[in-house]
Amino acid sequence: MNNNEISNPKTEVEKGLTLNDKDYLESILTVCKDLEKNLVIAMTEASHEEYYEKIHEMFENISELQRDAYELYFRKGWFVIEKEDEEKLTRKYNMLQQELNDLEVDN
């Protein structure tokens, strides 16, 4: 691991043709992400308020499951996050803050 990465110790899994814990968890993440996207589309196209609320409830549950799966994947050391340069973050923040200020002035 280099200094620009954030990660946990990697949990080793069996290699080969059989599925392992990492494979299953990766599949769960993929399915959850796809479901989230499709549920957002369903919410925007819902023609009835009760229908919308039911889809929204499903979306929230899937979103929470996806986040839990991601957190587990990260804790197992199977996902590495790259640190961003502090100066770059500050520049981006300042740029977005200025855009927000410009929007408020226009109103």
C-alpha atoms as a PDB file:
ATOM      1  CA  MET A   1       0.000   0.000   0.000  1.00  0.00           C
ATOM      2  CA  ASN A   2       1.329   3.439  -0.872  1.00  0.00           C
ATOM      3  CA  ASN A   3       0.701   6.653   1.069  1.00  0.00           C
ATOM      4  CA  ASN A   4      -2.106   7.672  -1.290  1.00  0.00           C
ATOM      5  CA  GLU A   5      -4.286   4.683  -0.481  1.00  0.00           C
ATOM      6  CA  ILE A   6      -6.683   3.855   2.318  1.00  0.00           C
ATOM      7  CA  SER A   7      -7.381   0.181   2.837  1.00  0.00           C
ATOM      8  CA  ASN A   8      -7.716  -2.620   5.355  1.00  0.00           C
ATOM      9  CA  PRO A   9      -5.695  -5.823   5.557  1.00  0.00           C
ATOM     10  CA  LYS A  10      -6.838  -8.065   2.737  1.00  0.00           C
ATOM     11  CA  THR A  11      -8.824 -11.159   3.663  1.00  0.00           C
ATOM     12  CA  GLU A  12      -7.561 -13.989   1.496  1.00  0.00           C
ATOM     13  CA  VAL A  13     -10.077 -16.167  -0.328  1.00  0.00           C
ATOM     14  CA  GLU A  14      -9.693 -19.378  -2.265  1.00  0.00           C
ATOM     15  CA  LYS A  15      -8.765 -18.908  -5.884  1.00  0.00           C
ATOM     16  CA  GLY A  16     -10.128 -21.105  -8.625  1.00  0.00           C
ATOM     17  CA  LEU A  17     -13.332 -21.819 -10.473  1.00  0.00           C
ATOM     18  CA  THR A  18     -15.562 -22.076  -7.403  1.00  0.00           C
ATOM     19  CA  LEU A  19     -17.181 -18.943  -6.062  1.00  0.00           C
ATOM     20  CA  ASN A  20     -15.810 -17.534  -2.834  1.00  0.00           C
ATOM     21  CA  ASP A  21     -17.031 -14.944  -0.316  1.00  0.00           C
ATOM     22  CA  LYS A  22     -15.537 -12.081  -2.305  1.00  0.00           C
ATOM     23  CA  ASP A  23     -17.319 -13.239  -5.481  1.00  0.00           C
ATOM     24  CA  TYR A  24     -20.666 -13.479  -3.689  1.00  0.00           C
ATOM     25  CA  LEU A  25     -20.293 -10.079  -2.060  1.00  0.00           C
ATOM     26  CA  GLU A  26     -19.239  -8.497  -5.347  1.00  0.00           C
ATOM     27  CA  SER A  27     -22.363  -9.944  -6.976  1.00  0.00           C
ATOM     28  CA  ILE A  28     -24.535  -8.561  -4.183  1.00  0.00           C
ATOM     29  CA  LEU A  29     -22.987  -5.105  -4.686  1.00  0.00           C
ATOM     30  CA  THR A  30     -23.592  -5.233  -8.434  1.00  0.00           C
ATOM     31  CA  VAL A  31     -27.210  -6.333  -8.052  1.00  0.00           C
ATOM     32  CA  CYS A  32     -27.908  -3.690  -5.401  1.00  0.00           C
ATOM     33  CA  LYS A  33     -26.443  -0.921  -7.550  1.00  0.00           C
ATOM     34  CA  ASP A  34     -28.519  -2.028 -10.541  1.00  0.00           C
ATOM     35  CA  LEU A  35     -31.660  -2.224  -8.404  1.00  0.00           C
ATOM     36  CA  GLU A  36     -31.027   1.272  -7.030  1.00  0.00           C
ATOM     37  CA  LYS A  37     -30.744   2.712 -10.531  1.00  0.00           C
ATOM     38  CA  ASN A  38     -33.893   0.956 -11.722  1.00  0.00           C
ATOM     39  CA  LEU A  39     -35.871   1.942  -8.631  1.00  0.00           C
ATOM     40  CA  VAL A  40     -34.961   5.599  -9.182  1.00  0.00           C
ATOM     41  CA  ILE A  41     -36.373   5.323 -12.692  1.00  0.00           C
ATOM     42  CA  ALA A  42     -39.489   3.615 -11.332  1.00  0.00           C
ATOM     43  CA  MET A  43     -39.974   6.400  -8.768  1.00  0.00           C
ATOM     44  CA  THR A  44     -39.782   9.102 -11.437  1.00  0.00           C
ATOM     45  CA  GLU A  45     -42.359   7.251 -13.527  1.00  0.00           C
ATOM     46  CA  ALA A  46     -44.728   6.264 -10.714  1.00  0.00           C
ATOM     47  CA  SER A  47     -48.229   7.424 -11.543  1.00  0.00           C
ATOM     48  CA  HIS A  48     -49.722   7.047  -8.079  1.00  0.00           C
ATOM     49  CA  GLU A  49     -48.552   8.377  -4.706  1.00  0.00           C
ATOM     50  CA  GLU A  50     -48.928   5.060  -2.840  1.00  0.00           C
ATOM     51  CA  TYR A  51     -47.042   3.294  -5.610  1.00  0.00           C
ATOM     52  CA  TYR A  52     -44.296   5.915  -5.400  1.00  0.00           C
ATOM     53  CA  GLU A  53     -44.044   5.529  -1.605  1.00  0.00           C
ATOM     54  CA  LYS A  54     -43.735   1.727  -1.876  1.00  0.00           C
ATOM     55  CA  ILE A  55     -40.976   2.024  -4.486  1.00  0.00           C
ATOM     56  CA  HIS A  56     -39.238   4.678  -2.374  1.00  0.00           C
ATOM     57  CA  GLU A  57     -39.311   2.359   0.643  1.00  0.00           C
ATOM     58  CA  MET A  58     -37.791  -0.418  -1.471  1.00  0.00           C
ATOM     59  CA  PHE A  59     -35.131   2.005  -2.717  1.00  0.00           C
ATOM     60  CA  GLU A  60     -34.161   2.988   0.820  1.00  0.00           C
ATOM     61  CA  ASN A  61     -33.879  -0.660   1.886  1.00  0.00           C
ATOM     62  CA  ILE A  62     -31.770  -1.614  -1.127  1.00  0.00           C
ATOM     63  CA  SER A  63     -29.606   1.476  -0.684  1.00  0.00           C
ATOM     64  CA  GLU A  64     -28.931   0.543   2.940  1.00  0.00           C
ATOM     65  CA  LEU A  65     -28.126  -3.042   1.945  1.00  0.00           C
ATOM     66  CA  GLN A  66     -25.767  -1.801  -0.776  1.00  0.00           C
ATOM     67  CA  ARG A  67     -23.976   0.458   1.696  1.00  0.00           C
ATOM     68  CA  ASP A  68     -23.634  -2.353   4.242  1.00  0.00           C
ATOM     69  CA  ALA A  69     -22.239  -4.659   1.555  1.00  0.00           C
ATOM     70  CA  TYR A  70     -19.773  -1.974   0.438  1.00  0.00           C
ATOM     71  CA  GLU A  71     -18.620  -1.410   4.030  1.00  0.00           C
ATOM     72  CA  LEU A  72     -18.048  -5.150   4.490  1.00  0.00           C
ATOM     73  CA  TYR A  73     -16.178  -5.351   1.176  1.00  0.00           C
ATOM     74  CA  PHE A  74     -13.941  -2.464   2.318  1.00  0.00           C
ATOM     75  CA  ARG A  75     -13.376  -3.938   5.801  1.00  0.00           C
ATOM     76  CA  LYS A  76     -12.272  -7.214   4.195  1.00  0.00           C
ATOM     77  CA  GLY A  77      -9.583  -5.280   2.316  1.00  0.00           C
ATOM     78  CA  TRP A  78     -11.009  -6.013  -1.114  1.00  0.00           C
ATOM     79  CA  PHE A  79     -11.494  -2.358  -1.996  1.00  0.00           C
ATOM     80  CA  VAL A  80      -8.867   0.380  -1.848  1.00  0.00           C
ATOM     81  CA  ILE A  81      -9.712   4.072  -1.675  1.00  0.00           C
ATOM     82  CA  GLU A  82      -7.285   6.598  -3.090  1.00  0.00           C
ATOM     83  CA  LYS A  83      -6.604   9.698  -1.019  1.00  0.00           C
ATOM     84  CA  GLU A  84      -7.176  12.960  -2.801  1.00  0.00           C
ATOM     85  CA  ASP A  85      -4.719  15.827  -2.581  1.00  0.00           C
ATOM     86  CA  GLU A  86      -5.864  18.322   0.082  1.00  0.00           C
ATOM     87  CA  GLU A  87      -5.090  21.292  -2.158  1.00  0.00           C
ATOM     88  CA  LYS A  88      -7.177  19.845  -4.985  1.00  0.00           C
ATOM     89  CA  LEU A  89     -10.100  19.257  -2.599  1.00  0.00           C
ATOM     90  CA  THR A  90      -9.862  22.832  -1.329  1.00  0.00           C
ATOM     91  CA  ARG A  91      -9.814  24.236  -4.885  1.00  0.00           C
ATOM     92  CA  LYS A  92     -12.858  22.158  -5.864  1.00  0.00           C
ATOM     93  CA  TYR A  93     -14.720  23.146  -2.699  1.00  0.00           C
ATOM     94  CA  ASN A  94     -13.994  26.829  -3.301  1.00  0.00           C
ATOM     95  CA  MET A  95     -15.128  26.556  -6.916  1.00  0.00           C
ATOM     96  CA  LEU A  96     -18.417  24.888  -5.923  1.00  0.00           C
ATOM     97  CA  GLN A  97     -18.938  27.384  -3.103  1.00  0.00           C
ATOM     98  CA  GLN A  98     -18.517  30.238  -5.590  1.00  0.00           C
ATOM     99  CA  GLU A  99     -21.020  28.631  -7.966  1.00  0.00           C
ATOM    100  CA  LEU A 100     -23.491  28.298  -5.098  1.00  0.00           C
ATOM    101  CA  ASN A 101     -22.948  31.934  -4.147  1.00  0.00           C
ATOM    102  CA  ASP A 102     -23.520  32.970  -7.773  1.00  0.00           C
ATOM    103  CA  LEU A 103     -26.815  31.058  -7.812  1.00  0.00           C
ATOM    104  CA  GLU A 104     -27.969  32.764  -4.612  1.00  0.00           C
ATOM    105  CA  VAL A 105     -27.148  36.210  -6.027  1.00  0.00           C
ATOM    106  CA  ASP A 106     -29.243  35.513  -9.138  1.00  0.00           C
ATOM    107  CA  ASN A 107     -32.352  34.847  -7.011  1.00  0.00           C
END
